[in-house]
Protein backbone atom coordinates (compact mmCIF):
# COMPACT_ATOMS: atom_id res chain seq x y z
CA MET A 1 14.62 -5.42 1.11
CA CYS A 2 16.70 -2.46 0.07
CA LEU A 3 17.23 0.66 2.12
CA CYS A 4 19.11 3.80 1.35
CA LEU A 5 20.31 6.57 3.63
CA THR A 6 19.54 9.90 2.02
CA PRO A 7 19.94 13.51 2.95
CA PRO A 8 16.58 15.32 3.20
CA ALA A 9 17.27 17.23 -0.03
CA PHE A 10 17.01 14.02 -2.08
CA ALA A 11 13.81 12.76 -0.45
CA VAL A 12 11.43 14.75 -2.65
CA SER A 13 13.05 13.55 -5.87
CA LEU A 14 12.74 9.92 -4.76
CA LEU A 15 8.98 10.36 -4.33
CA GLY A 16 8.58 11.98 -7.72
CA SER A 17 7.64 15.41 -9.02
CA ASP A 18 4.74 17.39 -7.60
CA ASP A 19 2.70 16.37 -10.68
CA GLU A 20 3.16 12.66 -9.84
CA VAL A 21 2.52 12.83 -6.08
CA LEU A 22 -1.10 12.85 -4.89
CA TRP A 23 -0.24 12.72 -1.16
CA LYS A 24 2.95 12.39 0.86
CA SER A 25 4.05 12.40 4.46
CA GLY A 26 7.76 12.85 5.05
CA SER A 27 10.15 10.98 2.81
CA LEU A 28 8.60 7.52 3.28
CA LEU A 29 4.83 7.60 2.84
CA TYR A 30 3.07 8.41 -0.41
CA ILE A 31 0.20 7.90 -2.82
CA LYS A 32 1.33 8.75 -6.34
CA PHE A 33 1.13 8.01 -10.04
CA ALA A 34 3.48 5.43 -11.53
CA GLU A 35 3.99 3.99 -14.96
CA GLN A 36 1.73 1.01 -15.52
CA ASP A 37 3.53 -2.28 -15.03
CA LYS A 38 3.42 -5.19 -17.47
CA ASP A 39 1.48 -8.44 -17.13
CA LYS A 40 2.94 -11.97 -17.24
CA GLY A 41 3.15 -11.83 -21.02
CA GLY A 42 5.24 -8.67 -20.91
CA LYS A 43 2.39 -6.50 -22.21
CA ALA A 44 0.72 -3.46 -20.73
CA GLN A 45 -2.97 -3.36 -21.64
CA PRO A 46 -4.23 0.22 -21.19
CA ASN A 47 -6.24 0.90 -18.05
CA ASP A 48 -9.70 2.45 -18.27
CA HIS A 49 -8.47 5.80 -16.96
CA PRO A 50 -9.54 8.48 -16.35
CA VAL A 51 -12.59 7.32 -14.42
CA THR A 52 -14.84 8.99 -11.85
CA LEU A 53 -15.34 7.00 -8.64
CA ASP A 54 -16.68 8.04 -5.25
CA GLY A 55 -13.91 8.26 -2.64
CA ARG A 56 -16.24 7.36 0.23
CA GLU A 57 -17.40 4.22 -1.58
CA ILE A 58 -13.76 3.21 -2.15
CA SER A 59 -13.02 3.77 1.57
CA ASP A 60 -16.07 1.75 2.60
CA ALA A 61 -15.12 -1.12 0.29
CA LEU A 62 -11.51 -1.18 1.55
CA ASN A 63 -12.78 -1.19 5.12
CA LEU A 64 -14.73 -4.39 4.39
CA ILE A 65 -11.67 -6.40 3.35
CA GLU A 66 -10.69 -8.68 6.23
CA PHE A 67 -8.49 -11.68 6.83
CA TRP A 68 -8.67 -14.56 9.25
CA GLN A 69 -5.63 -15.30 11.32
CA LYS A 70 -5.37 -18.72 12.94
CA GLN A 71 -4.08 -18.45 16.49
CA GLY A 72 -4.10 -22.02 17.76
CA PHE A 73 -4.83 -25.66 17.03
CA PHE A 74 -8.57 -25.52 17.59
CA LYS A 75 -11.26 -23.47 15.89
CA SER A 76 -12.13 -21.93 19.26
CA ASP A 77 -8.57 -20.55 19.37
CA ASP A 78 -9.24 -18.35 16.33
CA LYS A 79 -9.69 -14.67 16.98
CA GLU A 80 -11.92 -12.18 15.24
CA PRO A 81 -11.04 -11.24 11.64
CA ASP A 82 -8.54 -8.43 11.17
CA LYS A 83 -8.91 -5.56 8.71
CA VAL A 84 -6.37 -5.51 5.89
CA PHE A 85 -6.23 -1.70 6.06
CA SER A 86 -6.57 0.57 9.09
CA LEU A 87 -9.39 3.12 9.16
CA GLN A 88 -6.92 5.94 8.50
CA GLN A 89 -5.46 4.05 5.54
CA THR A 90 -8.91 3.42 4.02
CA ARG A 91 -9.77 7.11 4.28
CA LEU A 92 -6.50 8.24 2.69
CA LEU A 93 -6.71 5.63 -0.07
CA GLY A 94 -10.38 6.34 -0.79
CA GLN A 95 -9.83 10.07 -1.18
CA TYR A 96 -6.62 9.95 -3.20
CA ILE A 97 -7.49 6.94 -5.35
CA ALA A 98 -10.67 8.73 -6.43
CA GLU A 99 -8.77 11.98 -7.10
CA GLY A 100 -5.96 10.15 -8.87
CA LEU A 101 -8.10 7.96 -11.11
CA ALA A 102 -10.04 11.03 -12.28
CA LYS A 103 -6.72 12.42 -13.63
CA ALA A 104 -4.85 9.21 -14.47
CA LYS A 105 -3.87 8.34 -18.01
CA PRO A 106 -4.47 4.83 -19.42
CA GLY A 107 -0.75 4.05 -19.03
CA GLN A 108 -0.61 5.00 -15.35
CA ASP A 109 -1.28 3.16 -12.10
CA ILE A 110 -1.48 4.60 -8.61
CA VAL A 111 1.04 3.22 -6.11
CA PHE A 112 1.09 3.74 -2.37
CA ALA A 113 3.16 3.18 0.74
CA LEU A 114 1.41 3.79 4.06
CA SER A 115 2.14 3.07 7.70
CA ARG A 116 0.02 1.93 10.61
CA LEU A 117 0.47 0.71 14.14
CA GLN A 118 0.32 -3.05 14.64
CA LYS A 119 -0.26 -4.82 17.93
CA LEU A 120 2.68 -7.04 18.77
CA GLY A 121 1.37 -8.50 22.02
CA LEU A 122 1.51 -7.51 25.68
CA GLY A 123 0.04 -4.14 24.72
CA ILE A 124 3.06 -3.22 22.60
CA LYS A 125 2.53 -1.57 19.22
CA ASP A 126 5.01 -0.76 16.48
CA THR A 127 4.93 0.81 13.04
CA VAL A 128 4.56 -1.44 9.98
CA TYR A 129 4.37 -0.47 6.33
CA ASP A 130 1.93 -1.55 3.61
CA ALA A 131 2.48 -0.84 -0.08
CA GLY A 132 0.49 -1.59 -3.19
CA ARG A 133 -0.70 -0.71 -6.67
CA VAL A 134 -4.18 0.39 -7.82
CA PHE A 135 -5.78 0.64 -11.26
CA TYR A 136 -9.23 0.52 -12.88
CA LYS A 137 -9.96 -1.89 -15.73
CA ASP A 138 -13.11 -3.59 -17.10
CA ASN A 139 -15.41 -1.87 -14.58
CA ARG A 140 -13.35 -3.10 -11.61
CA LEU A 141 -11.02 -1.43 -9.17
CA TYR A 142 -7.92 -3.59 -8.74
CA ILE A 143 -5.62 -3.46 -5.73
CA ILE A 144 -2.37 -5.40 -5.74
CA ILE A 145 -0.68 -5.67 -2.37
CA GLY A 146 3.10 -5.72 -2.42
CA ASP A 147 4.70 -5.19 0.97
CA TYR A 148 2.37 -5.97 3.85
CA GLU A 149 3.15 -5.61 7.54
CA ARG A 150 6.74 -4.77 6.63
CA PRO A 151 8.52 -3.97 9.91
CA ARG A 152 10.77 -1.02 10.53
CA ASP A 153 14.49 -1.68 10.27
CA LYS A 154 15.30 -0.57 13.81
CA GLY A 155 18.98 -1.47 13.50
CA LEU A 156 19.46 0.72 10.46
CA GLU A 157 17.42 3.52 12.03
CA ALA A 158 19.57 3.39 15.18
CA ALA A 159 22.80 3.34 13.16
CA ALA A 160 21.65 6.25 11.00
CA GLY A 161 20.58 8.21 14.07
CA GLY A 162 24.05 7.71 15.54
CA PHE A 163 25.48 9.52 12.53
CA GLY A 164 22.90 12.31 12.73
CA ILE A 165 20.95 11.08 9.71
CA ASN A 166 17.23 11.40 10.34
CA GLU A 167 15.89 10.57 6.87
CA ILE A 168 16.03 6.89 5.91
CA GLN A 169 14.54 5.88 2.58
CA TYR A 170 12.84 2.50 2.33
CA PHE A 171 12.24 1.13 -1.15
CA PHE A 172 8.82 -0.48 -1.01
CA THR A 173 7.52 -3.26 -3.23
CA ASN A 174 4.26 -2.00 -4.70
CA GLY A 175 3.28 -5.31 -6.28
CA THR A 176 3.01 -6.24 -9.93
CA ARG A 177 0.55 -7.81 -12.35
CA ALA A 178 3.22 -10.27 -13.47
CA GLY A 179 3.95 -12.05 -10.20
CA ALA A 180 2.30 -13.46 -7.13
CA SER A 181 2.25 -11.31 -4.03
CA ASP A 182 3.86 -12.27 -0.74
CA PHE A 183 0.49 -11.54 0.90
CA LYS A 184 -0.38 -14.91 2.43
CA LYS A 185 -3.37 -14.01 4.62
CA ASN A 186 -6.69 -15.84 4.33
CA LEU A 187 -8.98 -13.16 2.93
CA ILE A 188 -12.63 -13.15 3.83
CA ILE A 189 -14.56 -12.51 0.65
CA GLY A 190 -17.70 -10.39 0.76
CA ASP A 191 -20.08 -8.89 -1.75
CA GLY A 192 -18.19 -7.09 -4.48
CA VAL A 193 -14.75 -8.34 -3.40
CA GLU A 194 -12.84 -10.99 -5.33
CA ILE A 195 -9.30 -12.30 -5.05
């Protein structure tokens, strides 16, 4: 994990130019174009971009992706499956992935960093961050998850606030074709979804 304290003036340049950014919120959250990464062999096979996809269908598909989280020693201790993405995240991703892929070049991916509230227990919720990479190839929409449920760095935020710095830049891991993700959840596979 790498964090950088930045004055607000530098925040826009860290996200990219207006041509690269599809959506942003503050200096942390974004959906934007990025250069395509390379596969395990060090090659970058061109994506099948641009492509026209329906944003609502993308949102609906993302909303179907769930994982099972074991809570105890017995099967009866398991709770209901959790969604990988929140409803707000699926709507944002659906809209901007569709818009982005319609304009994307074969050598571009779409990367994102989004936040959501996560239940921590005893009714307490806190912000976590999810980041990933999206591209379209061989009639399939691929999503690589990099950071998932990444917690806030409250210590750094408190220290920065003490110095009057209100913009903290997190450097998110958007995932890569070349390496395994740290995402270790047990995904529930449904129609049209593959790992």
